[in-house]
Amino acid sequence: MAAGAARLTQPERSAAFPPPPLDARPIDRNAWIAAFRTVRDETERRAAPLSPEDQQIQSMEDASPTKWHRAHTTWFFEQFLLREHLPGYAIYDERLHYLFNSYYVQAGPRQPRFMRGMITRPTAEETAAYRTHVDRAVTVWLRETPDAALERALPILEIGLYHEQQHQELMFTDILHAFAQNPLDPVYDADWTMPKAQAGSGKAALERGITQIGHAGGGFAFDNESPRHDVLMLGGAVDRGLVTNRDWLAFMEDGGYARPELWLNEGWIWVQREGWAAPGYWQPDAEGWSMMSLAGRKAVDPTEPVTHVSYFEADAYARWAGRDLPTEAEWEVAAREGLIEDAFGLVWQWTRSAYGPYPGYRPVPGALGEYNGKFMSSQYVLRGSSVATPDGHARPGYRNFFYPHQRWQFTGLRLADARP
């Protein structure tokens, strides 16, 4: 699906993604090849409008160059799948493993994150050759590996596909941040739009009692979505719709960014240090407010969900409104039971839940165990998916997470009633 196209309330699936369940027998090799090709092609589709200069830029430490995303996702398949599970595989260039490892300490040393934009070589064209080399090898592995060996390693291919989709979303958010620093307001895609919200007003009641959240089995989930466990729901209600730009303008007009009583102390420090007075990418102009988007700078549409707000801003807004942010359990139950609209495909939604392990969580062994578990501190959980999320990637149990000051992602919010 093209970026900015209309999205349904439920997460969408493309014809070739997600791949078949791991326990499907016989193994449908052609379906796995199609899923692999779909994901790899989508990365290149997202990079295609960008010049080599665009692909090189790293506008802040939190972001990475497009070229780095293309190479890192390729390294992932080479490092964790091909070198271990394709006999006779020839590493494309061992030097690239230092450049394009991200944070897998057990996989070896790596280029410091803040210096990824310094990697001018390999070029964007040479990065494409690296991708082609690995793509061919993975296809050979899928076609020729005996069933027993293929079955053992398919989970690595599966997580590699979802991992690349995460980087596809980052490609959009990172280039948007870079373009927002340019006084020329560059355009990534002139036809890009935020999908229209589906929900109206109103609240969905949440029943009090014990229920379960977490991965229930069947289909892919990251390790941080397990184990499934009991949670106590305290009742209350969650809004069916998202907070909009119109709602946020009312907060701003009431002095929301200038009232310390609304803010957590650390959030207030960020307001003062960064001069926050509006969501990310907003700026005042003669007509009111404009915002930077993937289609360039445009007038703020009051009907769109507010986006590019931090947890600190979401928390302050909820306090101003006399409401709360939902817990991640409340959000998951409401989404799973179809009680809320616009859960997927518009903005990731902040919850008031700190990102930590579910009871009984254990990371997977080896370097892949570093994927999620070691980040379970000082961050907050977001739920849903955004306009930048690839098809087939979202699900009700998905746990996204960011630090509370970060706002370069498509992050917004919905409100809940305070619990008894």
Protein backbone atom coordinates (compact mmCIF):
# COMPACT_ATOMS: atom_id res chain seq x y z
CA MET A 1 0.00 0.00 0.00
CA ALA A 2 1.29 3.46 -0.84
CA ALA A 3 2.20 5.73 2.02
CA GLY A 4 -0.70 7.83 3.22
CA ALA A 5 -3.40 5.68 1.60
CA ALA A 6 -6.60 5.08 3.56
CA ARG A 7 -6.34 2.45 6.29
CA LEU A 8 -8.92 0.22 7.88
CA THR A 9 -9.63 0.08 11.60
CA GLN A 10 -7.94 -3.32 11.85
CA PRO A 11 -4.33 -3.94 10.79
CA GLU A 12 -4.08 -4.64 7.09
CA ARG A 13 -2.36 -7.56 5.41
CA SER A 14 -0.80 -7.58 1.97
CA ALA A 15 -1.20 -10.45 -0.45
CA ALA A 16 2.26 -11.83 0.35
CA PHE A 17 2.74 -10.75 3.96
CA PRO A 18 2.77 -12.00 6.66
CA PRO A 19 4.43 -15.30 5.71
CA PRO A 20 2.82 -18.66 6.51
CA PRO A 21 2.73 -19.78 10.17
CA LEU A 22 5.92 -21.51 11.24
CA ASP A 23 4.02 -24.70 12.05
CA ALA A 24 2.35 -24.91 8.62
CA ARG A 25 3.15 -28.20 6.88
CA PRO A 26 4.31 -28.80 4.27
CA ILE A 27 6.56 -25.73 4.26
CA ASP A 28 5.40 -23.44 1.46
CA ARG A 29 8.75 -22.30 0.12
CA ASN A 30 7.21 -20.12 -2.59
CA ALA A 31 5.12 -18.26 -0.02
CA TRP A 32 8.20 -17.57 2.09
CA ILE A 33 10.10 -16.37 -0.97
CA ALA A 34 7.19 -14.07 -1.84
CA ALA A 35 7.06 -12.68 1.70
CA PHE A 36 10.81 -12.09 1.68
CA ARG A 37 10.66 -10.38 -1.70
CA THR A 38 7.69 -8.23 -0.60
CA VAL A 39 9.52 -6.90 2.42
CA ARG A 40 12.82 -6.32 0.65
CA ASP A 41 11.11 -4.57 -2.26
CA GLU A 42 9.18 -2.29 0.11
CA THR A 43 12.44 -1.03 1.61
CA GLU A 44 13.69 -0.11 -1.84
CA ARG A 45 10.36 1.46 -2.76
CA ARG A 46 10.58 3.75 0.26
CA ALA A 47 14.17 4.69 -0.59
CA ALA A 48 13.52 5.27 -4.30
CA PRO A 49 12.41 8.96 -4.11
CA LEU A 50 15.59 9.88 -2.24
CA SER A 51 18.81 11.09 -3.82
CA PRO A 52 22.16 9.64 -2.69
CA GLU A 53 22.63 12.85 -0.69
CA ASP A 54 19.25 12.35 1.00
CA GLN A 55 20.18 8.78 1.88
CA GLN A 56 23.42 9.88 3.53
CA ILE A 57 22.13 12.39 6.07
CA GLN A 58 21.84 11.70 9.79
CA SER A 59 20.02 14.65 11.33
CA MET A 60 20.35 13.59 14.97
CA GLU A 61 21.66 10.70 17.04
CA ASP A 62 18.21 9.10 17.37
CA ALA A 63 17.85 8.91 13.59
CA SER A 64 19.87 6.95 11.02
CA PRO A 65 20.60 7.53 7.34
CA THR A 66 18.34 5.76 4.83
CA LYS A 67 21.39 4.07 3.35
CA TRP A 68 22.30 2.73 6.80
CA HIS A 69 18.80 1.26 7.24
CA ARG A 70 19.10 -0.48 3.87
CA ALA A 71 22.49 -1.92 4.77
CA HIS A 72 21.74 -2.80 8.39
CA THR A 73 18.67 -4.87 7.53
CA THR A 74 20.81 -6.69 4.97
CA TRP A 75 23.53 -7.29 7.57
CA PHE A 76 20.88 -8.79 9.85
CA PHE A 77 20.08 -11.57 7.38
CA GLU A 78 23.75 -12.15 6.62
CA GLN A 79 24.81 -12.20 10.27
CA PHE A 80 22.05 -14.26 11.84
CA LEU A 81 20.77 -16.42 8.97
CA LEU A 82 23.23 -16.94 6.12
CA ARG A 83 26.57 -17.29 7.88
CA GLU A 84 25.08 -19.83 10.30
CA HIS A 85 22.60 -21.72 8.14
CA LEU A 86 23.76 -21.65 4.49
CA PRO A 87 26.77 -23.96 4.12
CA GLY A 88 29.47 -22.45 1.96
CA TYR A 89 28.03 -18.94 2.08
CA ALA A 90 30.68 -16.32 1.26
CA ILE A 91 30.46 -13.13 3.35
CA TYR A 92 29.99 -10.19 0.99
CA ASP A 93 32.49 -7.94 2.78
CA GLU A 94 33.52 -8.62 6.37
CA ARG A 95 34.27 -4.92 6.91
CA LEU A 96 30.57 -4.09 6.59
CA HIS A 97 29.79 -5.98 9.79
CA TYR A 98 31.47 -3.24 11.82
CA LEU A 99 29.67 -0.49 9.91
CA PHE A 100 26.16 -1.94 9.98
CA ASN A 101 25.80 -3.80 13.26
CA SER A 102 23.46 -1.71 15.42
CA TYR A 103 23.49 -2.68 19.10
CA TYR A 104 24.16 -6.43 19.14
CA VAL A 105 27.15 -6.50 21.46
CA GLN A 106 27.48 -10.28 21.20
CA ALA A 107 27.76 -9.96 17.42
CA GLY A 108 30.88 -7.81 17.63
CA PRO A 109 32.05 -4.17 17.62
CA ARG A 110 30.16 -1.52 15.71
CA GLN A 111 30.25 2.03 14.39
CA PRO A 112 29.05 4.44 17.13
CA ARG A 113 25.43 5.31 16.56
CA PHE A 114 25.96 9.06 16.38
CA MET A 115 28.55 8.53 13.62
CA ARG A 116 26.41 6.55 11.19
CA GLY A 117 26.12 9.61 8.95
CA MET A 118 29.90 9.57 8.54
CA ILE A 119 29.76 6.36 6.50
CA THR A 120 29.99 7.78 2.96
CA ARG A 121 31.33 4.47 1.66
CA PRO A 122 29.86 2.12 0.65
CA THR A 123 27.80 4.35 -1.60
CA ALA A 124 24.06 4.04 -2.06
CA GLU A 125 24.71 2.13 -5.28
CA GLU A 126 27.17 -0.21 -3.56
CA THR A 127 24.63 -0.75 -0.79
CA ALA A 128 22.17 -1.90 -3.45
CA ALA A 129 24.74 -4.44 -4.66
CA TYR A 130 25.13 -5.71 -1.07
CA ARG A 131 21.37 -6.12 -0.81
CA THR A 132 21.24 -8.00 -4.13
CA HIS A 133 23.99 -10.39 -3.02
CA VAL A 134 22.21 -11.25 0.23
CA ASP A 135 18.78 -11.45 -1.44
CA ARG A 136 20.06 -14.04 -3.88
CA ALA A 137 21.63 -16.09 -1.11
CA VAL A 138 18.47 -16.06 1.02
CA THR A 139 16.44 -17.16 -2.00
CA VAL A 140 18.87 -20.02 -2.64
CA TRP A 141 18.60 -20.99 1.03
CA LEU A 142 14.81 -21.03 0.85
CA ARG A 143 14.74 -23.08 -2.35
CA GLU A 144 17.46 -25.64 -1.65
CA THR A 145 17.77 -26.21 2.11
CA PRO A 146 16.40 -29.57 3.28
CA ASP A 147 13.12 -29.36 5.16
CA ALA A 148 14.52 -30.20 8.60
CA ALA A 149 17.26 -27.57 8.42
CA LEU A 150 14.88 -25.03 6.91
CA GLU A 151 12.38 -25.60 9.69
CA ARG A 152 15.01 -24.93 12.36
CA ALA A 153 16.05 -21.58 10.89
CA LEU A 154 12.74 -20.19 9.62
CA PRO A 155 12.16 -18.32 12.92
CA ILE A 156 15.30 -16.28 12.17
CA LEU A 157 14.03 -15.39 8.72
CA GLU A 158 10.66 -14.48 10.20
CA ILE A 159 12.05 -12.12 12.81
CA GLY A 160 14.34 -10.65 10.14
CA LEU A 161 11.30 -9.74 8.05
CA TYR A 162 9.54 -8.00 10.93
CA HIS A 163 12.81 -6.35 11.89
CA GLU A 164 13.13 -4.90 8.39
CA GLN A 165 9.58 -3.60 8.56
CA GLN A 166 10.48 -1.73 11.74
CA HIS A 167 13.31 -0.08 9.84
CA GLN A 168 10.95 0.77 6.98
CA GLU A 169 8.95 2.87 9.41
CA LEU A 170 12.15 4.46 10.69
CA MET A 171 13.12 5.34 7.12
CA PHE A 172 10.04 7.55 6.89
CA THR A 173 10.37 9.14 10.31
CA ASP A 174 14.12 9.70 10.00
CA ILE A 175 13.97 11.33 6.57
CA LEU A 176 11.06 13.49 7.74
CA HIS A 177 13.20 14.74 10.62
CA ALA A 178 16.07 15.45 8.23
CA PHE A 179 13.86 17.29 5.76
CA ALA A 180 12.35 19.33 8.61
CA GLN A 181 15.80 20.79 9.30
CA ASN A 182 16.05 22.10 5.72
CA PRO A 183 14.72 25.65 5.14
CA LEU A 184 13.62 24.57 1.65
CA ASP A 185 11.00 22.21 3.17
CA PRO A 186 11.82 19.32 0.81
CA VAL A 187 9.05 17.05 -0.45
CA TYR A 188 9.40 13.29 -0.17
CA ASP A 189 6.06 12.48 -1.86
CA ALA A 190 3.74 15.25 -3.03
CA ASP A 191 0.75 12.89 -2.81
CA TRP A 192 1.39 11.80 0.77
CA THR A 193 -1.56 12.43 3.11
CA MET A 194 -2.61 11.41 6.59
CA PRO A 195 -5.57 9.02 6.34
CA LYS A 196 -8.90 10.35 7.57
CA ALA A 197 -9.87 9.38 11.09
CA GLN A 198 -12.89 7.09 11.28
CA ALA A 199 -14.05 7.59 14.85
CA GLY A 200 -16.45 10.15 16.21
CA SER A 201 -16.91 11.13 19.82
CA GLY A 202 -17.80 8.88 22.69
CA LYS A 203 -16.26 6.45 25.13
CA ALA A 204 -16.01 2.69 25.36
CA ALA A 205 -16.66 1.22 28.79
CA LEU A 206 -14.10 -1.22 30.19
CA GLU A 207 -15.33 -3.99 32.45
CA ARG A 208 -13.81 -4.41 35.88
CA GLY A 209 -12.23 -7.81 36.50
CA ILE A 210 -9.35 -10.08 35.67
CA THR A 211 -8.46 -10.71 32.04
CA GLN A 212 -5.34 -11.64 30.10
CA ILE A 213 -3.03 -9.77 27.78
CA GLY A 214 0.01 -10.82 25.79
CA HIS A 215 0.66 -13.15 22.90
CA ALA A 216 -1.88 -15.97 22.81
CA GLY A 217 -0.02 -18.10 20.26
CA GLY A 218 -0.66 -18.38 16.56
CA GLY A 219 1.20 -16.02 14.29
CA PHE A 220 4.29 -13.94 14.90
CA ALA A 221 5.01 -11.90 18.02
CA PHE A 222 8.19 -10.40 19.41
CA ASP A 223 9.50 -11.91 22.61
CA ASN A 224 8.47 -8.87 24.67
CA GLU A 225 4.80 -9.68 23.95
CA SER A 226 5.02 -12.85 26.04
CA PRO A 227 4.16 -14.60 28.23
CA ARG A 228 0.41 -14.15 28.28
CA HIS A 229 -0.64 -13.29 31.81
CA ASP A 230 -3.46 -12.11 34.06
CA VAL A 231 -4.09 -8.41 34.62
CA LEU A 232 -6.62 -6.64 36.81
CA MET A 233 -8.83 -4.20 34.95
CA LEU A 234 -10.21 -1.46 37.18
CA GLY A 235 -13.07 -0.44 34.92
CA GLY A 236 -13.53 3.07 33.59
CA ALA A 237 -13.62 3.94 29.92
CA VAL A 238 -11.37 4.78 26.99
CA ASP A 239 -12.13 7.25 24.21
CA ARG A 240 -13.11 5.72 20.90
CA GLY A 241 -11.29 8.42 18.95
CA LEU A 242 -7.87 10.02 19.04
CA VAL A 243 -6.94 13.48 20.29
CA THR A 244 -6.99 15.80 17.27
CA ASN A 245 -5.08 18.91 16.24
CA ARG A 246 -8.17 20.94 17.12
CA ASP A 247 -8.10 19.53 20.64
CA TRP A 248 -4.40 20.28 20.90
CA LEU A 249 -4.82 23.87 19.73
CA ALA A 250 -7.24 24.40 22.61
CA PHE A 251 -4.58 23.10 25.00
CA MET A 252 -2.04 25.49 23.50
CA GLU A 253 -4.42 28.45 23.59
CA ASP A 254 -5.02 27.77 27.29
CA GLY A 255 -1.31 28.12 27.94
CA GLY A 256 -0.61 24.41 28.16
CA TYR A 257 3.08 24.74 27.37
CA ALA A 258 3.51 27.55 29.93
CA ARG A 259 1.82 25.97 32.96
CA PRO A 260 4.31 23.99 35.06
CA GLU A 261 1.53 22.50 37.19
CA LEU A 262 0.52 20.34 34.21
CA TRP A 263 3.94 18.82 33.66
CA LEU A 264 6.08 16.13 35.17
CA ASN A 265 9.28 17.70 36.42
CA GLU A 266 11.45 16.07 33.76
CA GLY A 267 8.95 17.05 31.10
CA TRP A 268 9.01 20.66 32.26
CA ILE A 269 12.80 20.61 31.98
CA TRP A 270 12.46 19.50 28.35
CA VAL A 271 9.91 22.25 27.66
CA GLN A 272 12.30 24.86 29.01
CA ARG A 273 15.45 23.44 27.43
CA GLU A 274 14.00 22.81 23.96
CA GLY A 275 11.55 25.70 23.86
CA TRP A 276 8.58 23.44 23.14
CA ALA A 277 5.46 25.46 22.39
CA ALA A 278 3.70 23.11 19.94
CA PRO A 279 4.00 19.54 18.61
CA GLY A 280 7.07 18.57 16.65
CA TYR A 281 7.36 20.09 13.15
CA TRP A 282 4.75 22.79 13.86
CA GLN A 283 5.58 26.43 13.30
CA PRO A 284 3.48 29.61 13.33
CA ASP A 285 2.85 31.46 10.10
CA ALA A 286 0.57 34.16 8.75
CA GLU A 287 -2.37 31.77 8.50
CA GLY A 288 -1.96 30.20 11.93
CA TRP A 289 0.08 27.02 12.21
CA SER A 290 1.78 24.86 9.61
CA MET A 291 3.54 21.52 10.00
CA MET A 292 6.19 19.63 8.11
CA SER A 293 5.03 16.39 6.50
CA LEU A 294 6.33 13.92 3.94
CA ALA A 295 4.49 16.06 1.37
CA GLY A 296 6.39 19.14 2.51
CA ARG A 297 5.06 21.94 4.68
CA LYS A 298 1.29 22.22 4.92
CA ALA A 299 -1.34 23.96 7.02
CA VAL A 300 -2.26 22.14 10.21
CA ASP A 301 -5.53 20.28 9.60
CA PRO A 302 -7.63 20.55 12.78
CA THR A 303 -9.42 17.26 12.02
CA GLU A 304 -6.29 15.14 11.87
CA PRO A 305 -4.99 13.29 14.93
CA VAL A 306 -2.24 15.21 16.64
CA THR A 307 1.13 13.61 16.08
CA HIS A 308 4.82 14.08 16.90
CA VAL A 309 4.13 14.62 20.58
CA SER A 310 6.23 13.16 23.39
CA TYR A 311 5.01 11.19 26.36
CA PHE A 312 5.59 14.28 28.48
CA GLU A 313 3.29 16.30 26.23
CA ALA A 314 0.66 13.55 26.15
CA ASP A 315 0.73 13.31 29.93
CA ALA A 316 0.43 17.09 30.34
CA TYR A 317 -2.48 17.21 27.89
CA ALA A 318 -4.30 14.42 29.77
CA ARG A 319 -3.84 16.28 33.06
CA TRP A 320 -5.10 19.50 31.46
CA ALA A 321 -8.17 17.64 30.19
CA GLY A 322 -8.85 16.12 33.62
CA ARG A 323 -8.36 12.68 32.13
CA ASP A 324 -5.72 9.94 31.95
CA LEU A 325 -3.75 8.02 29.38
CA PRO A 326 -4.85 4.38 29.16
CA THR A 327 -2.63 1.65 30.50
CA GLU A 328 -1.26 -0.72 27.88
CA ALA A 329 -3.57 -3.44 29.24
CA GLU A 330 -6.62 -1.19 28.85
CA TRP A 331 -5.56 -0.31 25.31
CA GLU A 332 -4.96 -3.94 24.32
CA VAL A 333 -8.29 -5.14 25.70
CA ALA A 334 -10.18 -2.28 24.03
CA ALA A 335 -8.47 -2.90 20.67
CA ARG A 336 -8.85 -6.68 20.86
CA GLU A 337 -12.56 -6.41 21.60
CA GLY A 338 -13.17 -3.82 18.88
CA LEU A 339 -14.16 -1.08 21.33
CA ILE A 340 -11.96 1.66 19.86
CA GLU A 341 -11.56 3.01 16.36
CA ASP A 342 -8.47 4.32 14.61
CA ALA A 343 -6.40 1.94 16.69
CA PHE A 344 -4.15 1.24 13.72
CA GLY A 345 -2.70 3.10 10.76
CA LEU A 346 -2.78 6.70 11.99
CA VAL A 347 -0.56 7.32 15.01
CA TRP A 348 1.13 5.25 17.69
CA GLN A 349 -0.63 5.97 20.97
CA TRP A 350 1.16 6.65 24.23
CA THR A 351 0.08 4.66 27.26
CA ARG A 352 0.86 5.40 30.89
CA SER A 353 2.66 2.04 31.22
CA ALA A 354 6.40 1.89 31.69
CA TYR A 355 8.13 -0.51 29.32
CA GLY A 356 9.19 -3.53 31.30
CA PRO A 357 9.08 -7.32 31.17
CA TYR A 358 5.86 -9.26 31.48
CA PRO A 359 5.82 -11.66 34.46
CA GLY A 360 7.99 -14.65 33.59
CA TYR A 361 9.66 -12.99 30.58
CA ARG A 362 12.97 -14.41 29.45
CA PRO A 363 14.89 -13.15 26.42
CA VAL A 364 15.83 -15.65 23.74
CA PRO A 365 19.42 -16.96 24.00
CA GLY A 366 22.30 -15.48 22.03
CA ALA A 367 22.69 -12.11 20.35
CA LEU A 368 19.05 -12.03 19.23
CA GLY A 369 18.16 -11.89 22.92
CA GLU A 370 19.42 -8.30 22.81
CA TYR A 371 16.58 -7.35 20.45
CA ASN A 372 14.11 -6.16 23.10
CA GLY A 373 14.98 -7.25 26.59
CA LYS A 374 17.93 -4.98 27.30
CA PHE A 375 15.86 -1.86 26.56
CA MET A 376 13.33 -2.48 29.33
CA SER A 377 14.10 0.63 31.36
CA SER A 378 13.25 4.34 31.33
CA GLN A 379 10.83 4.06 28.38
CA TYR A 380 7.05 4.04 27.90
CA VAL A 381 4.85 1.73 25.88
CA LEU A 382 2.99 2.86 22.77
CA ARG A 383 0.25 0.79 21.16
CA GLY A 384 -1.35 0.51 17.73
CA SER A 385 0.54 1.51 14.59
CA SER A 386 1.02 4.60 12.45
CA VAL A 387 0.62 5.83 8.90
CA ALA A 388 4.27 4.84 8.37
CA THR A 389 3.85 1.24 9.61
CA PRO A 390 4.06 -1.35 6.81
CA ASP A 391 1.08 -3.57 6.06
CA GLY A 392 0.98 -6.81 8.02
CA HIS A 393 3.13 -5.48 10.86
CA ALA A 394 0.55 -4.30 13.41
CA ARG A 395 -1.50 -6.35 15.88
CA PRO A 396 -3.32 -5.65 19.18
CA GLY A 397 -0.55 -7.12 21.36
CA TYR A 398 2.34 -5.22 19.76
CA ARG A 399 4.47 -3.28 22.29
CA ASN A 400 6.29 -0.32 20.81
CA PHE A 401 8.46 1.75 23.16
CA PHE A 402 10.31 5.05 23.20
CA TYR A 403 11.88 7.40 25.71
CA PRO A 404 9.39 9.93 27.11
CA HIS A 405 11.02 12.98 25.51
CA GLN A 406 11.14 11.57 21.97
CA ARG A 407 8.67 12.86 19.40
CA TRP A 408 10.10 12.38 15.91
CA GLN A 409 7.92 9.29 15.46
CA PHE A 410 4.24 9.45 14.44
CA THR A 411 3.15 9.45 18.09
CA GLY A 412 -0.22 10.66 19.37
CA LEU A 413 -2.72 9.72 22.05
CA ARG A 414 -6.22 8.86 23.10
CA LEU A 415 -7.62 9.52 26.57
CA ALA A 416 -9.13 7.35 29.28
CA ASP A 417 -11.16 8.07 32.40
CA ALA A 418 -9.35 8.09 35.70
CA ARG A 419 -9.71 4.78 37.51
CA PRO A 420 -11.58 4.41 40.82
